[in-house]
């Protein structure tokens, strides 16, 4: 019986001992288990292991390396995703300015067919075009009856340009922010079409005469225009 009682103390033996017929009573088995648990609870090594286990579970968290890796991953995602998000937003926003200028260009061509010239007054057109919206301000930059007809839609970071010739040929381009303009229509190659990016240059003042113009030098007093003898 003593050997069987010792086996009861083993957690792996107790369920088997309880399930088979034994001369031990059920109450005696429970009392032995309780006594064994109390002895183990008073064991210093058991108490120390329990304390360490509790401290480990309480102090469980992220290490500094893990936090740095997370911050690094977030930084990489932000560096890649934010510019792409900004391009997508500006491309969607640019659709408003493009629509306004295209409507204005068609209305100007209809006006020219009936009147023989373009107009710089949008009230003369057959359709009403809002010149100021939340994102753009549309302005006609050509003079009265001037050709080609030119207009632009100014946004916060770039400007959309429209030019309509007498024969109805249109040129459309974007200037200002190179990165956003490229996202809208790419780079202008072979003409200004499709709202592509075009780097505007300041035109140089043409020289009068077309050739070398020497600066006249004052001969000073006592010199006449003729040759001296």
Protein backbone atom coordinates (compact mmCIF):
# COMPACT_ATOMS: atom_id res chain seq x y z
CA UNK A 1 0.00 0.00 0.00
CA UNK A 2 2.86 2.39 0.70
CA UNK A 3 4.20 1.89 -2.81
CA UNK A 4 0.78 2.59 -4.25
CA UNK A 5 0.46 5.70 -2.11
CA UNK A 6 3.79 6.96 -3.45
CA UNK A 7 2.58 6.40 -7.00
CA UNK A 8 -0.48 8.49 -6.27
CA UNK A 9 1.81 11.48 -5.71
CA UNK A 10 2.89 11.35 -9.36
CA UNK A 11 0.55 13.43 -11.51
CA UNK A 12 0.80 10.90 -14.33
CA UNK A 13 -0.20 8.00 -12.06
CA UNK A 14 -3.07 9.57 -10.14
CA UNK A 15 -5.61 9.48 -13.00
CA UNK A 16 -4.79 5.80 -13.69
CA UNK A 17 -4.97 4.90 -9.98
CA UNK A 18 -8.32 6.63 -9.67
CA UNK A 19 -9.76 4.82 -12.68
CA UNK A 20 -8.84 1.25 -11.67
CA UNK A 21 -10.19 -0.74 -8.77
CA UNK A 22 -8.12 -0.26 -5.68
CA UNK A 23 -8.35 -0.97 -2.03
CA UNK A 24 -7.89 2.78 -1.40
CA UNK A 25 -11.02 4.74 -0.87
CA UNK A 26 -11.80 7.78 -2.97
CA UNK A 27 -11.63 10.06 0.07
CA UNK A 28 -8.19 8.73 0.95
CA UNK A 29 -6.94 9.46 -2.57
CA UNK A 30 -8.20 13.06 -2.33
CA UNK A 31 -6.53 13.52 1.05
CA UNK A 32 -3.22 12.19 -0.30
CA UNK A 33 -3.40 14.54 -3.28
CA UNK A 34 -4.11 17.55 -1.07
CA UNK A 35 -1.25 16.66 1.25
CA UNK A 36 1.12 16.23 -1.67
CA UNK A 37 0.15 19.60 -3.14
CA UNK A 38 0.62 21.29 0.23
CA UNK A 39 4.09 19.80 0.62
CA UNK A 40 5.06 20.92 -2.89
CA UNK A 41 3.74 24.41 -2.23
CA UNK A 42 5.98 24.67 0.86
CA UNK A 43 9.05 23.52 -1.10
CA UNK A 44 11.46 26.56 -1.56
CA UNK A 45 12.47 25.45 -5.03
CA UNK A 46 8.85 25.18 -6.11
CA UNK A 47 8.08 28.63 -4.71
CA UNK A 48 11.12 30.16 -6.45
CA UNK A 49 10.13 28.59 -9.78
CA UNK A 50 6.58 29.88 -9.38
CA UNK A 51 7.83 33.40 -8.64
CA UNK A 52 10.14 33.37 -11.66
CA UNK A 53 7.31 32.11 -13.85
CA UNK A 54 5.06 34.91 -12.65
CA UNK A 55 7.75 37.54 -13.17
CA UNK A 56 8.40 36.26 -16.68
CA UNK A 57 4.74 36.49 -17.59
CA UNK A 58 4.48 39.98 -16.08
CA UNK A 59 7.57 41.25 -17.85
CA UNK A 60 6.65 39.75 -21.20
CA UNK A 61 6.83 42.45 -23.99
CA UNK A 62 8.70 43.69 -27.05
CA UNK A 63 12.44 43.97 -27.12
CA UNK A 64 14.26 47.03 -28.43
CA UNK A 65 15.33 45.18 -31.59
CA UNK A 66 11.73 44.21 -32.32
CA UNK A 67 10.58 47.81 -31.88
CA UNK A 68 13.35 49.08 -34.17
CA UNK A 69 12.39 46.56 -36.84
CA UNK A 70 8.74 47.65 -36.65
CA UNK A 71 9.70 51.33 -36.90
CA UNK A 72 11.97 50.58 -39.85
CA UNK A 73 9.25 48.69 -41.70
CA UNK A 74 6.73 51.48 -41.08
CA UNK A 75 9.25 54.06 -42.34
CA UNK A 76 9.89 52.11 -45.55
CA UNK A 77 6.18 51.68 -46.20
CA UNK A 78 5.56 55.38 -45.58
CA UNK A 79 8.42 56.41 -47.89
CA UNK A 80 7.01 54.28 -50.70
CA UNK A 81 3.28 54.64 -50.15
CA UNK A 82 2.89 58.34 -49.36
CA UNK A 83 4.31 59.69 -52.66
CA UNK A 84 2.20 57.22 -54.61
CA UNK A 85 -0.86 58.24 -52.62
CA UNK A 86 -0.16 61.92 -53.26
CA UNK A 87 0.19 61.26 -56.99
CA UNK A 88 -3.10 59.38 -57.08
CA UNK A 89 -4.88 62.19 -55.21
CA UNK A 90 -3.45 64.92 -57.48
CA UNK A 91 -4.27 62.93 -60.61
CA UNK A 92 -7.87 62.65 -59.47
CA UNK A 93 -7.94 66.34 -58.54
CA UNK A 94 -6.44 67.35 -61.89
CA UNK A 95 -9.40 65.76 -63.69
CA UNK A 96 -11.50 68.72 -62.54
CA UNK A 97 -9.19 71.33 -64.06
CA UNK A 98 -8.78 69.30 -67.27
CA UNK A 99 -12.56 69.04 -67.64
CA UNK A 100 -12.97 72.80 -67.19
CA UNK A 101 -10.34 73.68 -69.80
CA UNK A 102 -11.60 71.13 -72.32
CA UNK A 103 -15.15 72.48 -72.00
CA UNK A 104 -13.83 76.02 -72.38
CA UNK A 105 -11.85 75.08 -75.50
CA UNK A 106 -14.85 73.46 -77.20
CA UNK A 107 -17.04 76.47 -76.38
CA UNK A 108 -14.42 78.84 -77.84
CA UNK A 109 -14.27 76.89 -81.08
CA UNK A 110 -18.07 77.05 -81.41
CA UNK A 111 -17.95 80.81 -80.77
CA UNK A 112 -15.23 81.28 -83.39
CA UNK A 113 -17.30 79.43 -86.01
CA UNK A 114 -20.17 81.86 -85.51
CA UNK A 115 -18.29 85.10 -84.80
CA UNK A 116 -15.07 84.59 -86.73
CA UNK A 117 -12.76 85.09 -83.75
CA UNK A 118 -12.13 83.92 -80.22
CA UNK A 119 -13.36 85.78 -77.18
CA UNK A 120 -11.72 86.36 -73.83
CA UNK A 121 -15.06 86.87 -72.09
CA UNK A 122 -16.56 83.60 -70.91
CA UNK A 123 -20.01 85.22 -70.63
CA UNK A 124 -20.16 85.35 -74.45
CA UNK A 125 -20.02 81.58 -74.67
CA UNK A 126 -23.03 79.31 -75.07
CA UNK A 127 -22.28 77.38 -71.88
CA UNK A 128 -21.66 78.59 -68.37
CA UNK A 129 -18.26 77.50 -67.08
CA UNK A 130 -17.33 78.07 -63.42
CA UNK A 131 -14.04 79.93 -63.40
CA UNK A 132 -13.38 79.32 -59.71
CA UNK A 133 -13.74 75.95 -58.00
CA UNK A 134 -12.43 74.39 -54.83
CA UNK A 135 -9.20 73.25 -56.47
CA UNK A 136 -8.66 75.47 -59.54
CA UNK A 137 -8.98 79.00 -60.85
CA UNK A 138 -9.55 79.25 -64.61
CA UNK A 139 -8.43 82.36 -66.47
CA UNK A 140 -8.31 83.34 -70.16
CA UNK A 141 -4.89 84.75 -70.96
CA UNK A 142 -5.35 85.67 -74.63
CA UNK A 143 -6.54 89.09 -75.73
CA UNK A 144 -9.76 90.03 -77.55
CA UNK A 145 -9.88 88.18 -80.84
CA UNK A 146 -6.28 87.00 -80.39
CA UNK A 147 -5.14 83.74 -81.89
CA UNK A 148 -4.33 81.23 -80.62
CA UNK A 149 -6.79 81.21 -77.76
CA UNK A 150 -5.01 80.47 -74.48
CA UNK A 151 -6.30 79.71 -71.02
CA UNK A 152 -5.01 78.11 -67.87
CA UNK A 153 -6.28 76.45 -64.72
CA UNK A 154 -4.16 77.24 -61.70
CA UNK A 155 -4.07 74.69 -58.90
CA UNK A 156 -2.20 74.68 -55.65
CA UNK A 157 1.06 73.16 -56.93
CA UNK A 158 0.88 73.24 -60.74
CA UNK A 159 -0.84 74.94 -63.67
CA UNK A 160 -2.73 73.36 -66.57
CA UNK A 161 -2.44 75.16 -69.93
CA UNK A 162 -4.69 75.12 -73.00
CA UNK A 163 -3.98 76.62 -76.42
CA UNK A 164 -6.39 76.49 -79.39
CA UNK A 165 -5.24 77.54 -82.88
CA UNK A 166 -7.43 78.91 -85.68
CA UNK A 167 -7.71 75.48 -87.29
CA UNK A 168 -8.88 73.95 -84.01
CA UNK A 169 -5.56 72.33 -83.11
CA UNK A 170 -5.20 72.10 -79.35
CA UNK A 171 -2.12 71.98 -77.19
CA UNK A 172 -2.47 70.94 -73.56
CA UNK A 173 0.33 70.75 -71.03
CA UNK A 174 1.14 70.99 -67.35
CA UNK A 175 3.78 73.22 -65.76
CA UNK A 176 5.01 73.90 -62.25
CA UNK A 177 5.53 70.79 -60.15
CA UNK A 178 7.48 68.34 -62.31
CA UNK A 179 6.73 65.27 -60.21
CA UNK A 180 2.97 65.83 -60.09
CA UNK A 181 2.76 66.89 -63.74
CA UNK A 182 4.53 63.70 -64.80
CA UNK A 183 2.03 61.72 -62.74
CA UNK A 184 -0.83 63.45 -64.60
CA UNK A 185 0.36 63.15 -68.21
CA UNK A 186 3.99 62.10 -68.39
CA UNK A 187 6.66 64.14 -70.20
CA UNK A 188 5.99 66.11 -73.37
CA UNK A 189 7.70 64.42 -76.31
CA UNK A 190 6.89 65.49 -79.84
CA UNK A 191 4.42 68.20 -78.87
CA UNK A 192 2.34 69.43 -75.98
CA UNK A 193 -0.45 66.89 -75.81
CA UNK A 194 -2.23 64.93 -73.13
CA UNK A 195 -1.50 67.38 -70.30
CA UNK A 196 2.13 66.28 -70.23
CA UNK A 197 4.84 68.01 -68.25
CA UNK A 198 6.52 70.89 -70.06
CA UNK A 199 9.29 72.92 -68.47
CA UNK A 200 8.54 76.48 -69.44
CA UNK A 201 11.51 78.66 -70.21
CA UNK A 202 11.73 82.42 -70.01
CA UNK A 203 12.00 83.68 -73.60
CA UNK A 204 15.09 85.68 -74.43
CA UNK A 205 14.71 89.17 -75.81
CA UNK A 206 15.44 89.12 -79.55
CA UNK A 207 18.19 91.41 -80.78
CA UNK A 208 17.18 94.13 -83.26
CA UNK A 209 18.72 93.90 -86.71
CA UNK A 210 19.41 90.19 -86.57
CA UNK A 211 23.19 90.60 -86.86
CA UNK A 212 26.18 92.11 -85.10
CA UNK A 213 25.34 95.63 -83.98
CA UNK A 214 28.49 97.48 -82.94
CA UNK A 215 28.08 100.12 -80.29
CA UNK A 216 28.84 103.55 -81.79
CA UNK A 217 31.78 105.33 -80.20
CA UNK A 218 31.69 109.08 -79.65
CA UNK A 219 34.77 110.50 -81.45
CA UNK A 220 34.86 113.43 -79.05
CA UNK A 221 35.09 117.16 -79.72
CA UNK A 222 37.09 118.48 -82.69
CA UNK A 223 36.32 115.51 -84.92
CA UNK A 224 34.03 115.89 -87.89
CA UNK A 225 32.22 113.24 -89.75
CA UNK A 226 34.62 113.52 -92.74
CA UNK A 227 38.20 112.41 -93.07
CA UNK A 228 41.09 114.72 -92.22
CA UNK A 229 43.36 115.97 -94.95
